Protein backbone atom coordinates (compact mmCIF):
# COMPACT_ATOMS: atom_id res chain seq x y z
CA MET A 1 -1.53 -46.73 2.77
CA ILE A 2 0.24 -45.43 -0.03
CA SER A 3 3.77 -44.95 0.27
CA LYS A 4 6.31 -42.45 -2.18
CA CYS A 5 9.62 -43.31 -0.73
CA VAL A 6 12.74 -43.79 -2.90
CA LYS A 7 16.01 -44.62 -2.23
CA ASN A 8 17.98 -41.46 -1.76
CA SER A 9 18.45 -38.27 -3.38
CA GLN A 10 20.00 -39.17 -6.99
CA GLU A 11 16.68 -41.61 -7.32
CA ALA A 12 14.36 -39.03 -6.04
CA ILE A 13 15.96 -35.96 -8.81
CA ALA A 14 16.78 -38.82 -11.58
CA ASP A 15 13.55 -37.78 -14.36
CA ILE A 16 14.85 -34.28 -13.46
CA LYS A 17 15.36 -32.76 -17.52
CA GLU A 18 18.16 -29.84 -18.78
CA GLY A 19 15.11 -27.12 -18.92
CA ALA A 20 13.39 -28.22 -15.79
CA VAL A 21 11.51 -25.53 -14.07
CA LEU A 22 12.23 -25.79 -10.14
CA MET A 23 10.86 -24.64 -6.91
CA LEU A 24 13.65 -24.66 -4.09
CA GLY A 25 12.75 -24.69 -0.89
CA GLY A 26 14.97 -22.44 2.00
CA PHE A 27 15.15 -18.79 3.30
CA GLY A 28 19.06 -18.14 2.99
CA LEU A 29 20.76 -21.78 4.46
CA CYS A 30 18.34 -22.33 6.37
CA GLY A 31 15.90 -25.62 5.00
CA ILE A 32 17.44 -25.51 1.90
CA PRO A 33 17.11 -28.97 0.43
CA GLU A 34 21.17 -30.24 0.13
CA ASN A 35 21.26 -33.89 -0.78
CA CYS A 36 18.93 -32.67 -3.60
CA ILE A 37 21.18 -29.68 -5.17
CA GLN A 38 24.41 -31.53 -4.45
CA SER A 39 22.51 -34.26 -6.59
CA LEU A 40 21.99 -31.80 -8.83
CA VAL A 41 25.25 -30.58 -9.40
CA GLU A 42 26.81 -33.95 -9.82
CA LYS A 43 24.62 -34.76 -12.76
CA GLY A 44 25.65 -31.68 -13.93
CA ILE A 45 21.86 -31.31 -15.56
CA ASN A 46 21.91 -27.47 -17.24
CA ASN A 47 19.40 -24.65 -18.53
CA LEU A 48 17.60 -24.92 -15.82
CA THR A 49 15.11 -22.21 -14.10
CA CYS A 50 15.11 -22.06 -10.78
CA ILE A 51 12.52 -20.56 -8.44
CA SER A 52 13.39 -19.99 -5.12
CA ASN A 53 13.64 -16.87 -2.60
CA ASN A 54 17.56 -16.29 -2.69
CA ALA A 55 20.16 -18.42 -3.95
CA GLY A 56 21.96 -19.63 -1.11
CA VAL A 57 25.78 -17.89 -0.66
CA ASP A 58 28.59 -19.34 -3.44
CA ASP A 59 29.60 -22.08 -2.03
CA PHE A 60 26.90 -23.29 -1.32
CA GLY A 61 23.33 -24.23 -2.00
CA ILE A 62 21.98 -22.97 -5.35
CA GLY A 63 25.15 -21.00 -5.31
CA LEU A 64 27.29 -24.15 -6.46
CA MET A 65 24.60 -24.83 -9.60
CA LEU A 66 25.37 -20.83 -10.35
CA GLN A 67 29.10 -22.07 -9.95
CA ASN A 68 28.89 -24.96 -12.61
CA ARG A 69 26.69 -22.67 -14.96
CA GLN A 70 23.29 -25.04 -14.73
CA VAL A 71 21.06 -22.21 -14.12
CA LYS A 72 19.65 -20.30 -16.88
CA LYS A 73 17.24 -18.26 -14.76
CA MET A 74 16.86 -17.15 -11.33
CA ILE A 75 13.32 -16.11 -9.82
CA SER A 76 14.11 -14.48 -6.53
CA SER A 77 13.58 -11.63 -3.85
CA TYR A 78 16.65 -11.68 -3.12
CA VAL A 79 20.24 -11.64 -4.61
CA GLY A 80 22.02 -11.03 -0.65
CA GLU A 81 25.63 -11.88 -0.31
CA ASN A 82 25.77 -13.97 -2.60
CA LYS A 83 28.31 -12.17 -5.00
CA GLU A 84 28.26 -15.23 -8.32
CA PHE A 85 24.68 -14.41 -8.24
CA GLU A 86 24.92 -10.48 -8.49
CA ARG A 87 28.25 -10.90 -10.57
CA GLN A 88 25.91 -12.94 -12.89
CA LEU A 89 23.05 -11.07 -12.69
CA LEU A 90 24.73 -7.54 -13.67
CA SER A 91 27.14 -8.75 -17.22
CA GLY A 92 24.25 -10.51 -18.29
CA GLU A 93 24.68 -13.93 -18.04
CA LEU A 94 21.57 -15.23 -15.79
CA GLU A 95 18.29 -13.98 -16.75
CA VAL A 96 17.31 -12.88 -13.31
CA GLU A 97 13.68 -11.83 -12.38
CA LEU A 98 13.70 -10.50 -8.63
CA ILE A 99 10.14 -10.05 -7.21
CA PRO A 100 8.95 -8.12 -3.51
CA GLN A 101 9.58 -11.57 -1.44
CA GLY A 102 5.67 -11.56 -0.38
CA THR A 103 4.57 -11.58 -4.06
CA LEU A 104 6.49 -14.59 -4.82
CA ALA A 105 5.49 -16.25 -1.30
CA GLU A 106 1.84 -15.74 -3.32
CA ARG A 107 2.53 -16.11 -6.60
CA ILE A 108 3.57 -19.77 -5.08
CA ARG A 109 0.67 -20.38 -3.20
CA ALA A 110 -1.54 -19.54 -6.14
CA GLY A 111 0.21 -21.92 -7.97
CA GLY A 112 -0.77 -24.45 -6.11
CA ALA A 113 -3.66 -23.25 -4.67
CA GLY A 114 -5.83 -22.77 -8.84
CA ILE A 115 -5.76 -19.51 -8.64
CA PRO A 116 -4.33 -18.25 -11.80
CA ALA A 117 -4.10 -14.45 -10.69
CA PHE A 118 -4.33 -11.57 -7.77
CA TYR A 119 -3.78 -8.57 -6.70
CA THR A 120 -1.29 -7.48 -3.96
CA PRO A 121 -0.10 -3.42 -3.49
CA ALA A 122 3.99 -4.23 -2.99
CA GLY A 123 5.29 -2.49 -6.18
CA VAL A 124 2.75 -0.52 -7.05
CA GLY A 125 5.24 2.74 -8.68
CA THR A 126 8.01 0.74 -9.45
CA GLU A 127 9.95 -1.30 -11.64
CA VAL A 128 8.35 -4.13 -10.52
CA ALA A 129 5.12 -2.90 -11.64
CA GLU A 130 5.73 -2.36 -15.52
CA GLY A 131 3.74 -3.22 -17.88
CA LYS A 132 1.30 -5.06 -15.62
CA GLU A 133 -2.25 -3.88 -15.12
CA ILE A 134 -3.24 -1.92 -12.11
CA GLU A 135 -6.30 -1.53 -10.35
CA GLU A 136 -8.02 0.40 -7.81
CA PHE A 137 -10.02 -1.01 -4.55
CA GLU A 138 -11.29 1.23 -2.01
CA GLY A 139 -8.97 4.25 -2.86
CA LYS A 140 -5.85 2.29 -3.10
CA LYS A 141 -3.63 0.76 -6.03
CA TYR A 142 -2.95 -2.83 -6.49
CA VAL A 143 -0.85 -4.28 -9.61
CA LYS A 144 -1.98 -8.12 -11.05
CA GLU A 145 0.57 -10.57 -10.60
CA LYS A 146 -0.17 -14.25 -12.11
CA TRP A 147 0.28 -17.80 -10.39
CA LEU A 148 3.94 -19.92 -10.33
CA LYS A 149 4.16 -23.26 -11.08
CA ALA A 150 7.25 -25.75 -11.65
CA ASP A 151 8.02 -29.40 -13.44
CA PHE A 152 9.36 -29.91 -10.02
CA SER A 153 9.32 -28.62 -6.12
CA ILE A 154 12.16 -29.68 -4.14
CA ILE A 155 12.41 -29.05 -0.19
CA LYS A 156 13.19 -30.65 3.12
CA ALA A 157 11.50 -30.86 6.48
CA TRP A 158 12.34 -31.92 9.70
CA LYS A 159 10.13 -34.77 10.02
CA GLY A 160 7.88 -37.28 7.65
CA ASP A 161 6.40 -40.32 7.75
CA GLN A 162 5.92 -42.58 4.12
CA SER A 163 3.20 -41.51 3.41
CA GLY A 164 4.59 -38.02 2.55
CA ASN A 165 3.25 -35.93 5.33
CA LEU A 166 5.71 -33.47 6.68
CA ILE A 167 6.94 -31.13 9.89
CA PHE A 168 9.23 -28.31 9.74
CA LYS A 169 10.98 -26.95 12.64
CA GLY A 170 11.59 -23.56 13.17
CA THR A 171 11.86 -21.20 10.59
CA ALA A 172 13.27 -23.60 8.39
CA ARG A 173 9.27 -23.96 6.83
CA ASN A 174 9.29 -20.93 5.35
CA PHE A 175 8.39 -21.32 1.00
CA SER A 176 8.56 -24.81 1.20
CA PRO A 177 4.24 -25.75 2.10
CA MET A 178 3.39 -23.31 -0.55
CA MET A 179 6.28 -25.08 -3.15
CA ALA A 180 4.88 -28.42 -2.23
CA ALA A 181 2.08 -28.01 -3.68
CA ALA A 182 2.95 -26.06 -6.66
CA GLY A 183 5.01 -28.62 -8.33
CA LYS A 184 3.57 -31.03 -10.38
CA ILE A 185 5.89 -33.81 -8.75
CA CYS A 186 7.27 -32.74 -5.16
CA ILE A 187 10.12 -34.13 -3.86
CA ALA A 188 10.86 -33.96 0.30
CA GLU A 189 13.67 -34.78 2.12
CA VAL A 190 13.42 -34.71 5.78
CA GLU A 191 16.11 -35.41 8.38
CA GLU A 192 14.04 -37.97 10.58
CA LEU A 193 11.89 -40.68 7.63
CA VAL A 194 9.17 -42.36 10.01
CA GLU A 195 6.51 -45.37 9.86
CA ILE A 196 2.91 -44.04 9.16
CA GLY A 197 0.45 -43.45 11.45
CA GLU A 198 3.55 -42.40 13.89
CA LEU A 199 3.03 -38.40 13.54
CA ASN A 200 0.54 -36.21 15.17
CA PRO A 201 -1.80 -35.78 12.92
CA ASN A 202 -2.84 -32.02 14.38
CA GLU A 203 1.13 -31.69 13.65
CA ILE A 204 1.60 -31.89 10.15
CA HIS A 205 2.46 -28.44 8.17
CA VAL A 206 2.10 -30.27 4.52
CA PRO A 207 -0.37 -32.86 4.16
CA GLY A 208 1.35 -36.34 2.25
CA ILE A 209 -1.20 -35.14 -0.82
CA TYR A 210 1.38 -32.46 -1.75
CA VAL A 211 4.44 -34.93 -1.84
CA GLN A 212 5.06 -37.65 -4.15
CA ARG A 213 8.44 -39.08 -3.01
CA ILE A 214 10.21 -38.84 0.11
CA PHE A 215 13.37 -39.74 1.38
CA GLN A 216 15.29 -39.47 4.31
CA GLY A 217 18.76 -37.32 3.65
CA GLU A 218 22.38 -37.86 5.19
CA ASN A 219 25.12 -36.05 5.94
CA TYR A 220 23.76 -32.54 6.85
CA GLN A 221 25.41 -30.08 7.77
CA LYS A 222 23.15 -26.92 7.96
CA ARG A 223 25.20 -24.02 7.65
CA ILE A 224 24.54 -20.58 9.65
CA GLU A 225 25.09 -17.80 7.19
CA GLN A 226 25.12 -15.35 9.79
CA ARG A 227 26.42 -16.80 13.02
CA THR A 228 25.06 -14.32 15.98
CA ILE A 229 25.32 -14.69 19.12
CA SER A 230 24.71 -12.42 22.49
CA PRO A 231 26.04 -10.27 23.98
CA GLU A 232 25.96 -7.79 21.51
CA ALA A 233 29.73 -5.79 22.05
CA THR A 234 27.39 -2.64 23.90
CA SER A 235 27.77 -1.44 27.40
CA PRO A 236 24.04 -1.62 28.99
CA PRO A 237 22.93 1.03 30.16
CA THR A 238 23.42 2.82 34.04
CA PRO A 239 20.29 2.59 36.53
CA SER A 240 20.28 5.80 36.80
CA GLY A 241 19.14 6.50 33.07
CA VAL A 242 22.38 8.70 32.42
CA LEU A 243 24.80 7.22 30.16
CA GLY A 244 27.89 6.05 30.86
CA VAL A 245 31.29 7.02 29.08
CA SER A 246 31.95 3.55 27.32
CA GLU A 247 28.54 3.44 25.85
CA GLN A 248 28.39 6.93 24.84
CA LYS A 249 31.65 5.72 23.25
CA VAL A 250 28.94 3.02 21.40
CA LEU A 251 26.23 5.92 20.76
CA PHE A 252 27.60 8.34 19.67
CA GLU A 253 30.78 10.63 19.00
CA TYR A 254 30.05 14.38 20.05
CA GLY A 255 29.68 16.96 16.96
CA LYS A 256 30.34 13.74 14.47
CA GLY A 257 27.00 11.78 15.15
CA LEU A 258 25.63 8.51 15.71
CA THR A 259 27.19 5.52 15.60
CA LYS A 260 24.74 2.72 14.56
CA TYR A 261 23.76 1.57 17.90
CA GLY A 262 23.12 5.45 18.59
CA ILE A 263 20.75 5.16 15.74
CA ALA A 264 19.22 1.91 17.04
CA LYS A 265 19.02 3.06 20.37
CA ARG A 266 17.11 6.49 19.37
CA ILE A 267 14.48 4.42 16.87
CA SER A 268 14.54 2.27 20.27
CA GLN A 269 12.16 5.19 21.82
CA GLU A 270 9.52 4.61 19.10
CA ILE A 271 7.93 1.11 20.37
CA ARG A 272 5.01 1.84 21.69
CA ASN A 273 4.10 -0.97 24.93
CA ASN A 274 2.03 -3.63 23.15
CA SER A 275 2.87 -3.67 19.12
CA TYR A 276 3.82 -5.86 16.88
CA VAL A 277 6.60 -5.02 15.06
CA ASN A 278 9.21 -5.95 12.21
CA LEU A 279 13.10 -5.56 11.93
CA GLY A 280 14.65 -4.33 8.77
CA ILE A 281 17.85 -5.85 8.21
CA GLY A 282 20.94 -3.84 9.12
CA ILE A 283 20.39 -1.14 11.39
CA PRO A 284 16.91 -2.15 11.59
CA THR A 285 18.19 -5.71 14.09
CA LEU A 286 20.19 -3.79 16.38
CA VAL A 287 16.60 -2.23 17.66
CA ALA A 288 15.64 -5.14 19.70
CA ASN A 289 19.21 -4.41 21.71
CA TYR A 290 17.31 -1.16 23.09
CA ILE A 291 14.24 -1.91 24.16
CA PRO A 292 12.92 -1.12 27.67
CA ASN A 293 12.07 -3.70 29.49
CA GLU A 294 8.86 -1.96 30.89
CA ILE A 295 8.03 -2.30 26.63
CA ASN A 296 5.64 -5.53 25.26
CA VAL A 297 6.33 -5.97 21.83
CA MET A 298 6.77 -8.77 19.60
CA LEU A 299 8.90 -8.68 17.00
CA GLN A 300 7.91 -10.00 13.48
CA SER A 301 10.47 -11.70 10.79
CA GLU A 302 9.29 -12.01 7.26
CA ASN A 303 11.05 -15.45 6.89
CA GLY A 304 8.32 -16.91 9.55
CA LEU A 305 8.61 -15.66 13.07
CA LEU A 306 6.75 -13.60 15.39
CA GLY A 307 8.20 -13.13 18.72
CA ILE A 308 12.01 -12.73 18.43
CA GLY A 309 13.88 -13.58 21.28
CA PRO A 310 17.35 -12.08 21.92
CA PHE A 311 20.43 -13.70 20.09
CA PRO A 312 21.20 -16.93 21.91
CA THR A 313 24.26 -17.96 24.08
CA GLU A 314 26.98 -20.61 21.78
CA GLU A 315 24.94 -23.41 23.24
CA ASN A 316 22.10 -22.55 22.02
CA VAL A 317 22.42 -21.82 18.62
CA ASP A 318 19.87 -23.53 16.24
CA ALA A 319 20.41 -23.13 12.92
CA ASP A 320 16.71 -23.68 11.67
CA LEU A 321 16.39 -20.33 14.09
CA ILE A 322 17.15 -17.42 11.94
CA ASN A 323 15.92 -13.99 11.54
CA ALA A 324 15.66 -12.31 7.97
CA GLY A 325 18.92 -11.15 8.15
CA LYS A 326 20.16 -15.08 8.49
CA GLN A 327 21.21 -14.24 11.97
CA THR A 328 20.89 -16.91 14.85
CA VAL A 329 17.84 -16.14 17.45
CA THR A 330 16.12 -16.93 19.54
CA MET A 331 12.22 -17.32 20.20
CA GLN A 332 10.37 -15.08 23.31
CA LYS A 333 7.49 -16.58 25.34
CA GLY A 334 4.24 -16.79 23.80
CA SER A 335 5.62 -17.47 20.15
CA SER A 336 4.30 -18.49 16.69
CA LEU A 337 5.70 -19.98 13.65
CA PHE A 338 4.60 -19.78 10.23
CA ASP A 339 5.11 -20.04 6.27
CA SER A 340 6.48 -17.20 4.18
CA ALA A 341 2.51 -16.79 2.31
CA GLU A 342 1.04 -16.50 6.14
CA SER A 343 4.12 -14.19 7.29
CA PHE A 344 3.17 -11.66 4.12
CA ALA A 345 -0.57 -12.03 4.69
CA MET A 346 0.01 -10.60 8.52
CA ILE A 347 1.88 -7.63 6.19
CA ARG A 348 -0.69 -6.77 3.85
CA GLY A 349 -3.64 -6.90 5.80
CA GLU A 350 -1.59 -4.45 7.95
CA HIS A 351 -1.40 -6.55 11.13
CA VAL A 352 1.81 -5.24 11.95
CA ASP A 353 2.05 -1.85 13.32
CA LEU A 354 5.54 -0.22 12.95
CA THR A 355 8.23 -0.75 10.23
CA ILE A 356 11.74 -0.15 10.72
CA LEU A 357 14.05 -0.76 7.60
CA GLY A 358 17.34 0.91 6.27
CA ALA A 359 17.48 3.57 2.80
CA MET A 360 19.45 4.00 0.67
CA GLU A 361 17.86 7.27 -0.33
CA VAL A 362 14.60 8.90 1.04
CA SER A 363 12.33 12.00 -0.94
CA GLU A 364 11.19 14.59 0.90
CA ASN A 365 7.15 12.79 -0.01
CA GLY A 366 8.18 9.83 1.78
CA ASP A 367 9.60 7.45 -1.15
CA ILE A 368 11.70 4.73 -0.57
CA ALA A 369 14.82 3.49 -2.03
CA ASN A 370 16.91 0.73 -0.69
CA TRP A 371 17.47 -2.32 -3.01
CA LYS A 372 20.04 -1.68 -5.77
CA ILE A 373 22.16 0.82 -7.97
CA PRO A 374 21.48 0.40 -11.60
CA GLY A 375 24.90 -0.98 -13.33
CA LYS A 376 26.30 -1.44 -9.63
CA MET A 377 24.51 -3.59 -6.77
CA VAL A 378 21.97 -5.10 -6.91
CA LYS A 379 20.58 -7.10 -3.73
CA GLY A 380 16.95 -7.20 -4.28
CA MET A 381 14.17 -6.00 -2.49
CA GLY A 382 13.22 -8.67 -0.57
CA GLY A 383 10.24 -8.34 1.69
CA ALA A 384 10.49 -4.09 1.74
CA MET A 385 8.06 -3.06 -0.82
CA ASP A 386 5.28 -5.27 0.62
CA LEU A 387 6.43 -3.74 3.96
CA VAL A 388 6.47 -0.05 2.82
CA ALA A 389 3.25 -0.79 0.94
CA SER A 390 1.35 -2.06 3.68
CA ALA A 391 2.95 -1.09 7.58
CA LYS A 392 1.05 1.13 9.21
CA ASN A 393 4.12 3.25 10.42
CA ILE A 394 7.21 3.25 8.55
CA ILE A 395 10.63 4.81 10.48
CA VAL A 396 14.17 4.15 8.54
CA ALA A 397 17.16 4.33 10.06
CA MET A 398 19.89 5.55 7.81
CA GLN A 399 23.09 7.08 6.68
CA HIS A 400 22.87 11.44 6.08
CA VAL A 401 25.41 11.47 3.76
CA SER A 402 26.97 8.55 1.52
CA LYS A 403 30.88 7.95 1.98
CA ASP A 404 31.47 11.03 -0.81
CA GLY A 405 29.17 13.93 1.12
CA LYS A 406 26.49 13.61 -0.89
CA SER A 407 23.05 13.85 0.83
CA LYS A 408 20.57 11.25 0.54
CA LEU A 409 17.48 12.84 1.75
CA LEU A 410 16.90 14.19 -1.19
CA LYS A 411 13.83 16.11 -3.25
CA ASN A 412 13.30 13.28 -5.57
CA CYS A 413 14.88 9.63 -5.22
CA THR A 414 17.18 9.29 -8.41
CA LEU A 415 17.69 5.56 -7.53
CA PRO A 416 14.57 2.47 -8.22
CA ILE A 417 12.30 3.74 -5.62
CA THR A 418 11.28 0.85 -3.41
CA GLY A 419 8.37 2.46 -2.13
CA LEU A 420 6.02 5.83 -2.60
CA ASN A 421 4.61 8.14 -0.38
CA CYS A 422 5.45 5.74 2.88
CA VAL A 423 7.71 6.60 4.73
CA LYS A 424 6.94 8.89 8.59
CA LYS A 425 10.05 9.35 10.22
CA ILE A 426 14.15 9.27 9.53
CA VAL A 427 16.99 8.27 12.15
CA THR A 428 19.92 9.57 10.63
CA GLU A 429 23.73 9.73 12.44
CA LEU A 430 23.09 13.62 12.84
CA ALA A 431 19.09 13.99 13.58
CA VAL A 432 15.64 13.35 13.67
CA ILE A 433 13.46 14.11 10.83
CA GLU A 434 9.33 13.79 10.49
CA VAL A 435 8.47 13.48 6.95
CA LEU A 436 4.95 15.28 6.62
CA PRO A 437 2.04 13.66 5.12
CA ASP A 438 1.67 15.85 2.42
CA GLY A 439 5.83 16.28 1.82
CA GLY A 440 8.34 17.64 3.06
CA PHE A 441 10.89 17.30 6.04
CA VAL A 442 11.11 18.70 9.60
CA LEU A 443 13.88 18.68 12.01
CA LEU A 444 12.50 17.10 15.03
CA GLU A 445 15.65 16.99 17.04
CA LEU A 446 19.90 16.91 17.00
CA ALA A 447 22.56 14.54 17.74
CA PRO A 448 24.66 15.30 20.44
CA GLY A 449 26.79 18.17 18.87
CA ILE A 450 25.11 18.98 16.12
CA THR A 451 24.00 22.00 14.94
CA LYS A 452 20.56 22.30 12.46
CA GLU A 453 23.38 24.25 10.52
CA GLN A 454 25.39 20.97 9.63
CA VAL A 455 21.81 18.97 8.60
CA ILE A 456 20.33 22.17 6.35
CA LYS A 457 23.63 21.64 4.50
CA ALA A 458 23.68 18.09 4.93
CA THR A 459 20.51 17.68 3.29
CA GLU A 460 19.48 18.56 -0.39
CA ALA A 461 15.72 18.84 -0.63
CA PRO A 462 14.24 22.40 2.02
CA ILE A 463 14.20 21.50 5.69
CA ILE A 464 11.68 23.06 7.89
CA ILE A 465 13.04 24.05 11.65
CA SER A 466 10.84 22.48 14.45
CA PRO A 467 9.92 25.15 17.03
CA ASN A 468 10.70 22.75 19.46
CA LEU A 469 13.53 21.55 17.71
CA SER A 470 15.83 19.53 20.72
CA GLU A 471 18.62 17.16 21.36
CA MET A 472 18.64 13.64 21.43
CA LYS A 473 17.81 12.06 24.89
CA LEU A 474 19.81 8.90 24.46
């Protein structure tokens, strides 16, 4: 049998030269090839192009390579909380290509599958599509994207055998299976290396044909970016359905508006029985806390999990099980795990019933902007462009006005667009607002103690008052 074992990370990366193009697996800090990254840092190889969903954090993962100024270019979907990544991007020190997360996954998959180009709806009408070919299929516009390949793909798996067969654990699979195929040489580090024949062929996620080098890593830290423990600091509804005083304070302040928990609880009422729902990062993740027990729902996370359960107790925290916000989670009964390309096939193929996400701005036409402020802040689009281009129903959770009192519900978005004509409903601290199919805001509900005059004043675009205007029932 073919054996592909090398001794350690130093031997595995020994022939990586300056100027190489690398793919590095991982989502946040989950599933990153820690040992190989550390060896790359120690070796000091410069002028690297790194293809990775994001760059870890400032003091761990690819963030260490950025601090060392080893990276010439990043190809990613998300900057996230890596302040050095954002600083180098904004200062022009680092060349950055930001790509919608689903497009990134599919470009990598295409590279490994020998498919030079494909069309996707993600990014149409945004700066991502500038200079690219646009085609229309069955009345919908799509942007042409090209494959991505690399000199080396560097990934991390849970178990592997000496011939390179790999098994992943939890959501640590993410981009690694596609990257294994898209690199000329794939280096796999594993937590447990076994003899050939010990792995069940039915359970293998990456066949050994894609892997050229494999070794058992040492001293895995497996850091957690957003360690999140259950329960959330909110009071449960009283059995009668009437809010207790303590819960009311958590959800809203009368006459001033909802808290983030109040926004999340109101949105939870929009979830229908037996539906598949994607929750974006921030306020949307809180929606899961308020879904009524009688509602059956499967929550999808684009990093590779269908069936998100509650946040774990301290003793059940698993670094290999996170949601798209990098928070630790559990899995409910009937869950499934998959890679990032499969995840976005679900989204792009319109199999997700509802998407709930945050926004910086929404226009009266249902356009949404939520990924950067030019010259000031760039978080990256992550999976948002894929979601808004393909979801059947999109609800936005957001603040009605900015900290300096400016409206975020506008005639036209002033920030770079994430998606066009896609938002169906908005829940803010002040109100529930519908976006009409042909454009225009309709005020449906008011937060407790809020008047329609307050909402009109806080909304830059014209707003129609529904004849059935009512106060929210929380």
